[in-house]
Structure formats: structure tokens, C-alpha cells
N, C-alpha and C. Protein backbone atom coordinates (compact mmCIF):
# COMPACT_ATOMS: atom_id res chain seq x y z
N MET A 1 42.85 107.83 122.54
CA MET A 1 44.29 108.10 122.48
C MET A 1 45.09 106.82 122.34
N LYS A 2 44.67 105.83 123.16
CA LYS A 2 45.37 104.55 123.10
C LYS A 2 45.27 103.93 121.72
N ARG A 3 44.05 104.06 121.12
CA ARG A 3 43.85 103.50 119.78
C ARG A 3 44.73 104.19 118.75
N LEU A 4 44.88 105.51 118.85
CA LEU A 4 45.73 106.25 117.92
C LEU A 4 47.20 105.85 118.06
N PHE A 5 47.65 105.60 119.30
CA PHE A 5 49.04 105.19 119.55
C PHE A 5 49.34 103.84 118.89
N ILE A 6 48.36 102.91 119.00
CA ILE A 6 48.54 101.58 118.40
C ILE A 6 48.63 101.67 116.89
N ILE A 7 47.76 102.52 116.30
CA ILE A 7 47.77 102.70 114.84
C ILE A 7 49.10 103.31 114.38
N ALA A 8 49.56 104.32 115.12
CA ALA A 8 50.83 104.97 114.76
C ALA A 8 52.00 104.00 114.85
N LEU A 9 52.03 103.17 115.92
CA LEU A 9 53.10 102.19 116.10
C LEU A 9 53.10 101.15 114.98
N ALA A 10 51.91 100.70 114.58
CA ALA A 10 51.79 99.73 113.49
C ALA A 10 52.31 100.32 112.19
N ALA A 11 52.01 101.61 111.97
CA ALA A 11 52.47 102.26 110.74
C ALA A 11 53.98 102.33 110.68
N ILE A 12 54.59 102.64 111.85
CA ILE A 12 56.05 102.72 111.90
C ILE A 12 56.69 101.37 111.60
N LEU A 13 56.12 100.32 112.23
CA LEU A 13 56.66 98.97 112.04
C LEU A 13 56.53 98.51 110.60
N LEU A 14 55.37 98.78 109.99
CA LEU A 14 55.15 98.37 108.61
C LEU A 14 56.07 99.10 107.65
N SER A 15 56.21 100.43 107.91
CA SER A 15 57.10 101.20 107.02
C SER A 15 58.53 100.74 107.17
N GLY A 16 58.91 100.36 108.41
CA GLY A 16 60.27 99.87 108.63
C GLY A 16 60.52 98.58 107.89
N CYS A 17 59.58 97.65 107.91
CA CYS A 17 59.74 96.37 107.21
C CYS A 17 59.85 96.57 105.71
N SER A 18 59.16 97.57 105.19
CA SER A 18 59.16 97.76 103.74
C SER A 18 60.46 98.39 103.24
N THR A 19 61.23 99.00 104.12
CA THR A 19 62.44 99.68 103.67
C THR A 19 63.73 98.94 104.03
N VAL A 20 63.62 97.88 104.84
CA VAL A 20 64.81 97.13 105.23
C VAL A 20 65.08 96.03 104.20
N HIS A 21 66.27 96.02 103.63
CA HIS A 21 66.65 95.02 102.64
C HIS A 21 67.88 94.26 103.13
N TYR A 22 67.92 92.94 102.87
CA TYR A 22 69.07 92.13 103.27
C TYR A 22 70.24 92.41 102.34
N ARG A 23 71.40 92.61 102.90
CA ARG A 23 72.61 92.82 102.10
C ARG A 23 73.68 91.83 102.51
N ARG A 24 74.33 91.23 101.53
CA ARG A 24 75.41 90.30 101.83
C ARG A 24 76.58 91.07 102.42
N PRO A 25 77.22 90.52 103.42
CA PRO A 25 78.39 91.20 103.97
C PRO A 25 79.49 91.33 102.93
N VAL A 26 80.14 92.45 102.91
CA VAL A 26 81.21 92.67 101.94
C VAL A 26 82.48 92.02 102.47
N THR A 27 82.95 91.01 101.79
CA THR A 27 84.19 90.32 102.17
C THR A 27 85.03 90.10 100.93
N SER A 28 86.27 89.64 101.14
CA SER A 28 87.17 89.37 100.02
C SER A 28 86.63 88.25 99.15
N ARG A 29 85.71 87.41 99.70
CA ARG A 29 85.16 86.30 98.94
C ARG A 29 84.24 86.78 97.82
N ASP A 30 83.82 88.06 97.86
CA ASP A 30 82.97 88.60 96.80
C ASP A 30 83.78 88.85 95.53
N ASP A 31 85.08 88.87 95.64
CA ASP A 31 85.94 89.18 94.50
C ASP A 31 86.87 88.00 94.25
N GLY A 32 86.35 86.99 93.62
CA GLY A 32 87.16 85.82 93.34
C GLY A 32 86.32 84.69 92.78
N VAL A 33 86.97 83.54 92.57
CA VAL A 33 86.29 82.39 91.99
C VAL A 33 86.85 81.14 92.63
N TYR A 34 86.05 80.06 92.63
CA TYR A 34 86.53 78.79 93.16
C TYR A 34 87.06 77.91 92.03
N HIS A 35 88.18 77.25 92.31
CA HIS A 35 88.79 76.32 91.35
C HIS A 35 88.72 74.91 91.93
N ARG A 36 88.21 73.97 91.16
CA ARG A 36 88.17 72.57 91.61
C ARG A 36 89.48 71.88 91.23
N VAL A 37 90.18 71.36 92.21
CA VAL A 37 91.50 70.75 91.99
C VAL A 37 91.38 69.49 91.14
N LYS A 38 92.22 69.42 90.11
CA LYS A 38 92.24 68.28 89.21
C LYS A 38 93.48 67.42 89.49
N ARG A 39 93.44 66.19 89.03
CA ARG A 39 94.55 65.27 89.27
C ARG A 39 95.86 65.84 88.73
N GLY A 40 96.90 65.76 89.52
CA GLY A 40 98.21 66.23 89.10
C GLY A 40 98.47 67.70 89.37
N GLU A 41 97.47 68.43 89.89
CA GLU A 41 97.65 69.85 90.15
C GLU A 41 98.22 70.08 91.54
N ASN A 42 98.91 71.20 91.69
CA ASN A 42 99.38 71.65 93.01
C ASN A 42 99.13 73.15 93.10
N LEU A 43 99.29 73.69 94.30
CA LEU A 43 98.97 75.10 94.50
C LEU A 43 99.83 76.03 93.67
N TRP A 44 101.11 75.69 93.54
CA TRP A 44 101.99 76.57 92.76
C TRP A 44 101.55 76.61 91.30
N GLY A 45 101.22 75.44 90.74
CA GLY A 45 100.74 75.41 89.36
C GLY A 45 99.44 76.16 89.18
N ILE A 46 98.53 76.02 90.15
CA ILE A 46 97.26 76.74 90.09
C ILE A 46 97.50 78.25 90.15
N SER A 47 98.43 78.67 91.01
CA SER A 47 98.72 80.10 91.13
C SER A 47 99.28 80.66 89.83
N LYS A 48 100.10 79.86 89.13
CA LYS A 48 100.63 80.29 87.85
C LYS A 48 99.54 80.36 86.79
N SER A 49 98.62 79.40 86.82
CA SER A 49 97.53 79.38 85.84
C SER A 49 96.68 80.64 85.91
N TYR A 50 96.45 81.11 87.14
CA TYR A 50 95.60 82.28 87.33
C TYR A 50 96.39 83.59 87.46
N SER A 51 97.72 83.48 87.45
CA SER A 51 98.58 84.66 87.65
C SER A 51 98.24 85.36 88.96
N VAL A 52 98.09 84.54 90.00
CA VAL A 52 97.80 85.03 91.35
C VAL A 52 98.90 84.53 92.28
N SER A 53 99.32 85.36 93.21
CA SER A 53 100.37 84.99 94.15
C SER A 53 100.00 83.73 94.93
N LEU A 54 100.94 82.81 95.04
CA LEU A 54 100.74 81.60 95.84
C LEU A 54 100.42 81.96 97.28
N ASP A 55 101.12 82.94 97.82
CA ASP A 55 100.88 83.36 99.20
C ASP A 55 99.46 83.89 99.38
N ASP A 56 98.92 84.59 98.36
CA ASP A 56 97.55 85.11 98.45
C ASP A 56 96.53 83.97 98.49
N ILE A 57 96.80 82.92 97.70
CA ILE A 57 95.88 81.77 97.69
C ILE A 57 95.93 81.04 99.02
N VAL A 58 97.13 80.83 99.55
CA VAL A 58 97.27 80.15 100.84
C VAL A 58 96.57 80.94 101.94
N ARG A 59 96.76 82.25 101.92
CA ARG A 59 96.16 83.11 102.95
C ARG A 59 94.63 83.14 102.82
N SER A 60 94.11 83.24 101.60
CA SER A 60 92.66 83.31 101.39
C SER A 60 91.97 82.02 101.80
N ASN A 61 92.66 80.89 101.66
CA ASN A 61 92.06 79.60 101.99
C ASN A 61 92.43 79.11 103.38
N ARG A 62 93.24 79.91 104.09
CA ARG A 62 93.65 79.58 105.45
C ARG A 62 94.21 78.15 105.53
N LEU A 63 95.10 77.85 104.60
CA LEU A 63 95.67 76.50 104.54
C LEU A 63 96.79 76.35 105.55
N PRO A 64 96.72 75.33 106.41
CA PRO A 64 97.81 75.09 107.36
C PRO A 64 99.03 74.55 106.64
N ASN A 65 100.19 74.70 107.25
CA ASN A 65 101.44 74.33 106.60
C ASN A 65 101.54 72.87 106.21
N ALA A 66 100.93 71.99 107.01
CA ALA A 66 101.13 70.56 106.79
C ALA A 66 100.18 69.97 105.74
N ASP A 67 99.20 70.76 105.30
CA ASP A 67 98.18 70.21 104.42
C ASP A 67 98.62 70.12 102.97
N THR A 68 98.11 69.10 102.29
CA THR A 68 98.22 69.02 100.84
C THR A 68 96.81 69.13 100.29
N ILE A 69 96.70 69.57 99.05
CA ILE A 69 95.37 69.69 98.46
C ILE A 69 94.97 68.34 97.85
N GLU A 70 93.66 68.12 97.77
CA GLU A 70 93.13 66.86 97.27
C GLU A 70 92.36 67.07 95.97
N VAL A 71 92.32 66.04 95.14
CA VAL A 71 91.54 66.10 93.91
C VAL A 71 90.07 66.34 94.27
N GLY A 72 89.45 67.31 93.60
CA GLY A 72 88.06 67.65 93.86
C GLY A 72 87.89 68.76 94.88
N GLN A 73 88.96 69.11 95.60
CA GLN A 73 88.87 70.18 96.60
C GLN A 73 88.64 71.52 95.91
N MET A 74 87.83 72.38 96.54
CA MET A 74 87.55 73.70 96.01
C MET A 74 88.52 74.71 96.62
N ILE A 75 89.28 75.37 95.78
CA ILE A 75 90.25 76.37 96.21
C ILE A 75 89.78 77.75 95.75
N PHE A 76 89.71 78.70 96.67
CA PHE A 76 89.29 80.06 96.34
C PHE A 76 90.45 80.83 95.72
N ILE A 77 90.20 81.42 94.56
CA ILE A 77 91.21 82.23 93.85
C ILE A 77 90.80 83.69 93.94
N PRO A 78 91.49 84.48 94.76
CA PRO A 78 91.09 85.89 94.94
C PRO A 78 91.36 86.72 93.69
N GLY A 79 90.43 87.63 93.41
CA GLY A 79 90.64 88.60 92.34
C GLY A 79 90.32 88.12 90.95
N LYS A 80 89.79 86.89 90.80
CA LYS A 80 89.47 86.36 89.47
C LYS A 80 87.96 86.16 89.32
N LYS A 81 87.50 86.18 88.06
CA LYS A 81 86.06 86.13 87.80
C LYS A 81 85.59 84.81 87.20
N ALA A 82 86.50 84.03 86.64
CA ALA A 82 86.08 82.79 86.00
C ALA A 82 87.11 81.70 86.22
N GLU A 83 86.62 80.47 86.41
CA GLU A 83 87.53 79.34 86.60
C GLU A 83 88.19 78.99 85.28
N ILE A 84 89.47 78.69 85.33
CA ILE A 84 90.20 78.27 84.14
C ILE A 84 89.88 76.80 83.88
N THR A 85 89.47 76.51 82.66
CA THR A 85 89.15 75.13 82.28
C THR A 85 90.27 74.56 81.42
N LYS A 86 90.18 73.29 81.14
CA LYS A 86 91.21 72.62 80.33
C LYS A 86 91.31 73.21 78.93
N SER A 87 90.19 73.79 78.46
CA SER A 87 90.18 74.35 77.11
C SER A 87 90.96 75.65 77.02
N LYS A 88 91.20 76.27 78.19
CA LYS A 88 91.95 77.51 78.21
C LYS A 88 93.43 77.24 78.43
N LYS A 89 94.27 78.00 77.80
CA LYS A 89 95.71 77.81 77.94
C LYS A 89 96.16 78.21 79.33
N SER A 90 96.93 77.36 79.97
CA SER A 90 97.39 77.63 81.33
C SER A 90 98.75 78.31 81.30
N ASN A 91 98.89 79.36 82.12
CA ASN A 91 100.17 80.05 82.19
C ASN A 91 101.28 79.15 82.71
N VAL A 92 100.92 78.12 83.48
CA VAL A 92 101.94 77.26 84.06
C VAL A 92 102.66 76.43 83.01
N SER A 93 102.08 76.33 81.81
CA SER A 93 102.71 75.54 80.75
C SER A 93 104.07 76.10 80.36
N THR A 94 104.31 77.38 80.64
CA THR A 94 105.58 77.99 80.29
C THR A 94 106.60 77.84 81.42
N TYR A 95 106.20 77.22 82.53
CA TYR A 95 107.08 77.03 83.67
C TYR A 95 107.36 75.55 83.87
N GLU A 96 108.58 75.24 84.24
CA GLU A 96 108.93 73.86 84.57
C GLU A 96 108.43 73.56 85.98
N LYS A 97 107.65 72.50 86.11
CA LYS A 97 107.11 72.15 87.42
C LYS A 97 108.20 71.56 88.32
N PHE A 98 107.93 71.55 89.61
CA PHE A 98 108.81 70.89 90.58
C PHE A 98 108.43 69.41 90.64
N ILE A 99 109.43 68.54 90.69
CA ILE A 99 109.17 67.11 90.87
C ILE A 99 109.82 66.64 92.18
N TRP A 100 109.35 65.51 92.71
CA TRP A 100 109.95 64.96 93.92
C TRP A 100 111.39 64.53 93.62
N PRO A 101 112.34 64.91 94.45
CA PRO A 101 113.74 64.54 94.19
C PRO A 101 114.03 63.06 94.43
N ILE A 102 113.16 62.43 95.19
CA ILE A 102 113.30 61.00 95.47
C ILE A 102 111.95 60.50 95.99
N LYS A 103 111.69 59.22 95.78
CA LYS A 103 110.46 58.63 96.30
C LYS A 103 110.72 58.08 97.70
N GLY A 104 109.80 58.35 98.60
CA GLY A 104 109.94 57.89 99.96
C GLY A 104 108.92 58.53 100.87
N LYS A 105 108.83 58.05 102.08
CA LYS A 105 107.89 58.59 103.06
C LYS A 105 108.46 59.83 103.72
N VAL A 106 107.62 60.86 103.85
CA VAL A 106 108.05 62.07 104.56
C VAL A 106 107.98 61.77 106.06
N ILE A 107 109.14 61.77 106.71
CA ILE A 107 109.20 61.42 108.13
C ILE A 107 109.29 62.65 109.03
N CYS A 108 109.50 63.80 108.42
CA CYS A 108 109.52 65.05 109.19
C CYS A 108 108.99 66.15 108.29
N GLY A 109 107.82 66.69 108.62
CA GLY A 109 107.16 67.65 107.74
C GLY A 109 107.62 69.08 107.92
N TYR A 110 107.13 69.92 107.03
CA TYR A 110 107.48 71.34 107.05
C TYR A 110 106.95 72.00 108.32
N ASN A 111 107.82 72.76 108.97
CA ASN A 111 107.51 73.50 110.19
C ASN A 111 107.25 72.61 111.41
N SER A 112 107.47 71.30 111.27
CA SER A 112 107.37 70.45 112.46
C SER A 112 108.56 70.75 113.36
N LYS A 113 108.41 70.50 114.66
CA LYS A 113 109.45 70.86 115.61
C LYS A 113 110.09 69.62 116.23
N ASP A 114 111.39 69.70 116.48
CA ASP A 114 112.07 68.62 117.17
C ASP A 114 111.97 68.83 118.69
N LYS A 115 112.60 67.97 119.46
CA LYS A 115 112.49 68.04 120.92
C LYS A 115 113.09 69.32 121.50
N TYR A 116 113.89 70.02 120.70
CA TYR A 116 114.48 71.28 121.16
C TYR A 116 113.64 72.49 120.74
N GLY A 117 112.55 72.24 120.00
CA GLY A 117 111.69 73.32 119.55
C GLY A 117 112.12 73.97 118.25
N THR A 118 113.11 73.37 117.58
CA THR A 118 113.60 73.90 116.30
C THR A 118 112.67 73.48 115.17
N GLU A 119 112.25 74.43 114.34
CA GLU A 119 111.34 74.14 113.24
C GLU A 119 112.09 73.61 112.02
N ASN A 120 111.48 72.64 111.37
CA ASN A 120 112.03 72.10 110.12
C ASN A 120 111.62 73.03 108.98
N LYS A 121 112.57 73.53 108.23
CA LYS A 121 112.30 74.47 107.15
C LYS A 121 112.14 73.78 105.81
N GLY A 122 112.04 72.46 105.83
CA GLY A 122 111.79 71.70 104.61
C GLY A 122 111.05 70.43 104.97
N ILE A 123 111.27 69.38 104.20
CA ILE A 123 110.73 68.06 104.54
C ILE A 123 111.86 67.06 104.48
N ASP A 124 111.79 66.05 105.34
CA ASP A 124 112.79 64.98 105.34
C ASP A 124 112.15 63.73 104.76
N ILE A 125 112.72 63.23 103.67
CA ILE A 125 112.16 62.09 102.94
C ILE A 125 113.01 60.86 103.22
N SER A 126 112.39 59.85 103.82
CA SER A 126 113.11 58.63 104.17
C SER A 126 113.51 57.86 102.90
N ALA A 127 114.75 57.41 102.87
CA ALA A 127 115.25 56.64 101.73
C ALA A 127 116.48 55.86 102.16
N GLY A 128 116.78 54.77 101.47
CA GLY A 128 117.92 53.94 101.82
C GLY A 128 119.24 54.70 101.68
N TYR A 129 120.16 54.44 102.59
CA TYR A 129 121.46 55.09 102.55
C TYR A 129 122.15 54.78 101.21
N GLY A 130 122.62 55.83 100.54
CA GLY A 130 123.32 55.66 99.27
C GLY A 130 122.43 55.70 98.04
N ARG A 131 121.12 55.78 98.23
CA ARG A 131 120.24 55.92 97.07
C ARG A 131 120.47 57.27 96.41
N THR A 132 120.33 57.31 95.11
CA THR A 132 120.54 58.57 94.40
C THR A 132 119.26 59.40 94.41
N PHE A 133 119.46 60.72 94.36
CA PHE A 133 118.32 61.64 94.23
C PHE A 133 118.58 62.58 93.07
N VAL A 134 117.51 63.22 92.59
CA VAL A 134 117.61 64.02 91.37
C VAL A 134 117.25 65.48 91.63
N ALA A 135 117.55 66.33 90.65
CA ALA A 135 117.19 67.75 90.72
C ALA A 135 115.69 67.90 90.50
N SER A 136 115.04 68.64 91.37
CA SER A 136 113.60 68.84 91.27
C SER A 136 113.23 69.68 90.05
N ARG A 137 114.10 70.61 89.70
CA ARG A 137 113.94 71.43 88.50
C ARG A 137 115.32 71.70 87.93
N SER A 138 115.35 72.16 86.69
CA SER A 138 116.62 72.55 86.08
C SER A 138 117.13 73.82 86.76
N GLY A 139 118.44 73.94 86.85
CA GLY A 139 119.00 75.14 87.47
C GLY A 139 120.50 75.09 87.62
N LYS A 140 121.04 76.16 88.17
CA LYS A 140 122.48 76.30 88.37
C LYS A 140 122.84 75.98 89.81
N VAL A 141 123.90 75.22 89.98
CA VAL A 141 124.38 74.90 91.32
C VAL A 141 125.08 76.14 91.89
N THR A 142 124.46 76.75 92.88
CA THR A 142 125.07 77.94 93.49
C THR A 142 125.87 77.59 94.74
N TYR A 143 125.67 76.36 95.23
CA TYR A 143 126.41 75.94 96.42
C TYR A 143 126.46 74.42 96.48
N SER A 144 127.67 73.89 96.64
CA SER A 144 127.87 72.46 96.84
C SER A 144 129.02 72.31 97.81
N SER A 145 128.71 71.79 98.99
CA SER A 145 129.72 71.77 100.04
C SER A 145 129.67 70.47 100.82
N ASP A 146 130.82 70.11 101.39
CA ASP A 146 130.90 68.91 102.22
C ASP A 146 130.33 69.14 103.61
N PHE A 147 130.13 70.41 103.99
CA PHE A 147 129.57 70.65 105.31
C PHE A 147 128.97 72.05 105.43
N MET A 148 127.76 72.08 105.98
CA MET A 148 127.13 73.32 106.43
C MET A 148 126.42 72.98 107.74
N LYS A 149 126.61 73.79 108.74
CA LYS A 149 126.05 73.51 110.06
C LYS A 149 124.54 73.27 109.97
N GLY A 150 124.10 72.14 110.50
CA GLY A 150 122.69 71.78 110.49
C GLY A 150 122.24 71.06 109.23
N TYR A 151 123.11 71.04 108.20
CA TYR A 151 122.75 70.43 106.93
C TYR A 151 123.70 69.32 106.48
N GLY A 152 124.91 69.32 106.98
CA GLY A 152 125.90 68.35 106.50
C GLY A 152 126.29 68.64 105.07
N LYS A 153 126.47 67.60 104.26
CA LYS A 153 126.74 67.81 102.83
C LYS A 153 125.48 68.36 102.18
N ILE A 154 125.65 69.39 101.39
CA ILE A 154 124.48 70.12 100.88
C ILE A 154 124.68 70.59 99.45
N ILE A 155 123.57 70.65 98.72
CA ILE A 155 123.55 71.20 97.36
C ILE A 155 122.41 72.22 97.30
N ILE A 156 122.67 73.38 96.72
CA ILE A 156 121.63 74.39 96.51
C ILE A 156 121.59 74.73 95.02
N LEU A 157 120.38 74.66 94.45
CA LEU A 157 120.18 75.00 93.04
C LEU A 157 119.37 76.28 92.93
N ASP A 158 119.78 77.15 92.00
CA ASP A 158 119.03 78.37 91.70
C ASP A 158 118.29 78.13 90.39
N HIS A 159 116.96 78.32 90.40
CA HIS A 159 116.15 78.03 89.22
C HIS A 159 115.85 79.27 88.38
N GLU A 160 116.52 80.35 88.69
CA GLU A 160 116.55 81.56 87.86
C GLU A 160 115.18 82.21 87.69
N ASP A 161 114.26 81.95 88.64
CA ASP A 161 112.97 82.64 88.62
C ASP A 161 112.59 83.07 90.03
N GLY A 162 113.62 83.20 90.88
CA GLY A 162 113.40 83.57 92.27
C GLY A 162 113.31 82.38 93.20
N HIS A 163 113.28 81.15 92.66
CA HIS A 163 113.17 79.95 93.47
C HIS A 163 114.52 79.22 93.57
N GLN A 164 114.72 78.61 94.72
CA GLN A 164 115.90 77.76 94.94
C GLN A 164 115.41 76.44 95.57
N THR A 165 116.17 75.37 95.34
CA THR A 165 115.91 74.12 96.05
C THR A 165 117.18 73.70 96.78
N VAL A 166 116.97 73.04 97.93
CA VAL A 166 118.07 72.63 98.81
C VAL A 166 117.98 71.12 99.03
N TYR A 167 119.14 70.46 98.95
CA TYR A 167 119.24 69.02 99.13
C TYR A 167 120.35 68.78 100.16
N ALA A 168 120.00 68.17 101.30
CA ALA A 168 120.99 68.07 102.38
C ALA A 168 120.96 66.71 103.06
N TYR A 169 121.89 66.54 104.03
CA TYR A 169 122.18 65.28 104.72
C TYR A 169 122.82 64.28 103.75
N ASN A 170 123.44 64.77 102.70
CA ASN A 170 123.90 63.90 101.62
C ASN A 170 125.11 63.04 102.01
N ALA A 171 125.15 61.84 101.44
CA ALA A 171 126.33 61.00 101.58
C ALA A 171 127.37 61.39 100.55
N ASP A 172 126.90 61.91 99.42
CA ASP A 172 127.82 62.31 98.35
C ASP A 172 127.13 63.33 97.44
N ASN A 173 127.90 64.30 96.98
CA ASN A 173 127.43 65.27 96.00
C ASN A 173 128.09 64.97 94.65
N PHE A 174 127.29 64.90 93.60
CA PHE A 174 127.83 64.61 92.27
C PHE A 174 128.04 65.87 91.43
N VAL A 175 127.66 67.02 91.96
CA VAL A 175 127.79 68.26 91.20
C VAL A 175 128.59 69.27 92.02
N LYS A 176 129.15 70.25 91.33
CA LYS A 176 129.95 71.27 92.01
C LYS A 176 129.38 72.65 91.70
N THR A 177 129.75 73.62 92.51
CA THR A 177 129.28 74.98 92.33
C THR A 177 129.61 75.48 90.93
N GLY A 178 128.62 76.06 90.26
CA GLY A 178 128.80 76.56 88.90
C GLY A 178 128.23 75.65 87.84
N ASP A 179 127.98 74.38 88.17
CA ASP A 179 127.40 73.44 87.21
C ASP A 179 125.96 73.82 86.90
N TYR A 180 125.52 73.49 85.69
CA TYR A 180 124.11 73.63 85.33
C TYR A 180 123.54 72.24 85.18
N VAL A 181 122.43 71.96 85.85
CA VAL A 181 121.85 70.62 85.81
C VAL A 181 120.43 70.67 85.25
N LYS A 182 120.02 69.56 84.68
CA LYS A 182 118.67 69.44 84.13
C LYS A 182 117.75 68.78 85.15
N GLN A 183 116.47 69.07 85.02
CA GLN A 183 115.49 68.42 85.88
C GLN A 183 115.59 66.90 85.73
N ASN A 184 115.50 66.19 86.85
CA ASN A 184 115.56 64.74 86.92
C ASN A 184 116.98 64.18 86.75
N GLN A 185 117.98 65.06 86.71
CA GLN A 185 119.38 64.61 86.64
C GLN A 185 119.83 64.19 88.04
N VAL A 186 120.52 63.05 88.13
CA VAL A 186 121.04 62.59 89.42
C VAL A 186 122.11 63.56 89.89
N ILE A 187 121.98 64.05 91.13
CA ILE A 187 122.95 65.04 91.63
C ILE A 187 123.63 64.62 92.94
N GLY A 188 123.15 63.54 93.55
CA GLY A 188 123.79 63.13 94.80
C GLY A 188 123.24 61.83 95.35
N LYS A 189 123.79 61.43 96.51
CA LYS A 189 123.35 60.22 97.20
C LYS A 189 122.83 60.57 98.60
N VAL A 190 121.83 59.81 99.02
CA VAL A 190 121.20 60.02 100.33
C VAL A 190 122.16 59.62 101.45
N GLY A 191 122.22 60.46 102.48
CA GLY A 191 123.02 60.17 103.66
C GLY A 191 122.16 60.17 104.91
N LYS A 192 122.73 60.59 106.00
CA LYS A 192 122.02 60.60 107.27
C LYS A 192 122.48 61.81 108.07
N GLY A 193 121.55 62.51 108.68
CA GLY A 193 121.94 63.67 109.48
C GLY A 193 120.74 64.40 110.02
N GLY A 194 121.00 65.55 110.62
CA GLY A 194 119.92 66.37 111.15
C GLY A 194 119.13 65.67 112.22
N ARG A 195 117.83 65.90 112.23
CA ARG A 195 116.95 65.35 113.26
C ARG A 195 116.52 63.92 112.95
N ALA A 196 116.78 63.45 111.72
CA ALA A 196 116.32 62.12 111.33
C ALA A 196 117.15 61.03 112.00
N ILE A 197 116.47 59.97 112.44
CA ILE A 197 117.18 58.86 113.08
C ILE A 197 117.55 57.78 112.07
N ARG A 198 117.10 57.96 110.83
CA ARG A 198 117.46 57.01 109.78
C ARG A 198 117.81 57.80 108.52
N PRO A 199 118.43 57.16 107.54
CA PRO A 199 118.84 57.88 106.32
C PRO A 199 117.65 58.59 105.67
N SER A 200 117.91 59.81 105.23
CA SER A 200 116.84 60.59 104.59
C SER A 200 117.44 61.74 103.80
N LEU A 201 116.64 62.27 102.89
CA LEU A 201 117.02 63.47 102.14
C LEU A 201 116.26 64.65 102.71
N HIS A 202 116.98 65.69 103.11
CA HIS A 202 116.34 66.93 103.54
C HIS A 202 116.16 67.80 102.30
N PHE A 203 114.91 68.21 102.04
CA PHE A 203 114.59 68.95 100.82
C PHE A 203 113.84 70.23 101.17
N GLU A 204 114.30 71.35 100.62
CA GLU A 204 113.66 72.64 100.83
C GLU A 204 113.36 73.30 99.49
N ILE A 205 112.29 74.09 99.47
CA ILE A 205 112.02 75.00 98.36
C ILE A 205 111.99 76.40 98.95
N ARG A 206 112.75 77.29 98.33
CA ARG A 206 112.82 78.67 98.80
C ARG A 206 112.41 79.61 97.68
N LYS A 207 111.84 80.73 98.07
CA LYS A 207 111.56 81.81 97.12
C LYS A 207 112.18 83.07 97.67
N LYS A 208 113.12 83.60 96.91
CA LYS A 208 113.89 84.77 97.33
C LYS A 208 114.48 84.54 98.72
N GLN A 209 115.05 83.35 98.89
CA GLN A 209 115.75 82.93 100.11
C GLN A 209 114.82 82.63 101.28
N LYS A 210 113.52 82.76 101.11
CA LYS A 210 112.58 82.45 102.19
C LYS A 210 111.98 81.07 101.95
N THR A 211 112.03 80.21 102.98
CA THR A 211 111.54 78.84 102.80
C THR A 211 110.02 78.82 102.61
N LYS A 212 109.59 77.89 101.76
CA LYS A 212 108.17 77.69 101.47
C LYS A 212 107.80 76.23 101.75
N ASN A 213 106.51 75.98 101.90
CA ASN A 213 106.04 74.62 102.11
C ASN A 213 106.17 73.82 100.82
N PRO A 214 107.04 72.81 100.77
CA PRO A 214 107.22 72.04 99.53
C PRO A 214 105.95 71.39 99.01
N TYR A 215 105.02 71.05 99.93
CA TYR A 215 103.78 70.41 99.51
C TYR A 215 102.98 71.28 98.55
N TYR A 216 103.12 72.60 98.66
CA TYR A 216 102.37 73.49 97.78
C TYR A 216 102.91 73.47 96.34
N TYR A 217 104.12 72.95 96.18
CA TYR A 217 104.77 72.94 94.87
C TYR A 217 104.83 71.56 94.23
N LEU A 218 104.64 70.52 95.03
CA LEU A 218 104.79 69.15 94.55
C LEU A 218 103.43 68.47 94.40
N SER A 219 103.26 67.74 93.32
CA SER A 219 102.03 66.98 93.12
C SER A 219 102.21 65.60 93.74
N LYS A 220 101.10 64.99 94.12
CA LYS A 220 101.16 63.65 94.71
C LYS A 220 101.56 62.63 93.65
């Protein structure tokens, strides 16, 4: 009897091994492709190239707010089957890219908090008092004012694709509400204000009035 029990148990174990197959866990990573970041690229441009939401790419890659992408970094693109190469036409070519409004060190990053716990909804770029800054993209001036609480002198541009840019802490505004400006056109002078202890330009990028991380739109 004991011998029969051992034989039966062995048969069960062998049959079990022959029918068990390894299966990859089903995750969102099964439906997508990796893109290797090239020089001059940013997340917004990559999202346009693949016609995938920027928010979806940020969420799929679990990118923290303060991070910038690096050349050679692998970025997961959800919902796509093949990486776009240089030989393929990029959808971003039909869009005007965002450029830095001024050169300088970022002294206060996106979503960083001051001593009162208030989050920064843009980035503060250190620059000499009175230095000129330019429009990051072409657009219409929807707001130009000598004062807005928390912003001081401020300029807001509408880029007519759901995006807006904000320029604040200004010493002087060179444009008025209703003006249309071109990318790289000088629109104001750097002042001092907000949480910064030295002269700086406060810069925001918004989509449908919601602030976004400027680093995702700007190339190094």
C-alpha cells in the first residue's frame, strides 16, 4: 500500500510539472515602447512625436517633479509599438518648442516649498536686476499688469494651443494686453519679488490654466 501511495504521489507531481507554464505578469508595460532620449529633446517634444499625452508619459515613468531627463535615458511610451527614429517625421515639427526666457541658475524649483509651506508653481531663474527676458513661445498677451498678489509685475501669454506662459517679479513690462509677440522677442526686465532673496524671473508653464513642470517642456 505504501509503495502504491508513493507511485501515485510521484505521478501527480510529474503531471503537475508538465502542465504548469510561466506567464509574464500583465502590466501596462506590455503595451508600449522605450524611447532613448537624444540631445535637445524634452518630454513635451517626445510626447508630441508619439502623439501621447505628456501626463501619461510622466505617470508611466513615475517621474518626480524636480527631475529633468538626460541624454541616453530610456523613457517608456505607453500604447506605442515602435520607437520613432530620426528617419521618421516627428509630429513635434509642426509645433513651436518652448525656449528658456532667460539664462540663469534656477534658485527655486517647481513645487519646492518656502518656509511657510507654500509651493512654487513655476521656477525662479536668477538673473541680474534689469536684465531683459524674452517670450518662450509666440503668443498673445492676455494679461500685463503692474501688480498681482504674489507675482508683482506680471505678463501672461496665451499660445493658442491650450498652453500659457507666465513671467513675474518684473521690473518692467514692455508689452500690453492684446499685443501679439514672437518667440524670443524681448518682453520685459527682471525685477525682484516673491520668495527670492535676489533678483530673478518667475516663470510658469500652464496647460488649460493648470501649472506644469517647466523642466518637462524646456531642453537643457
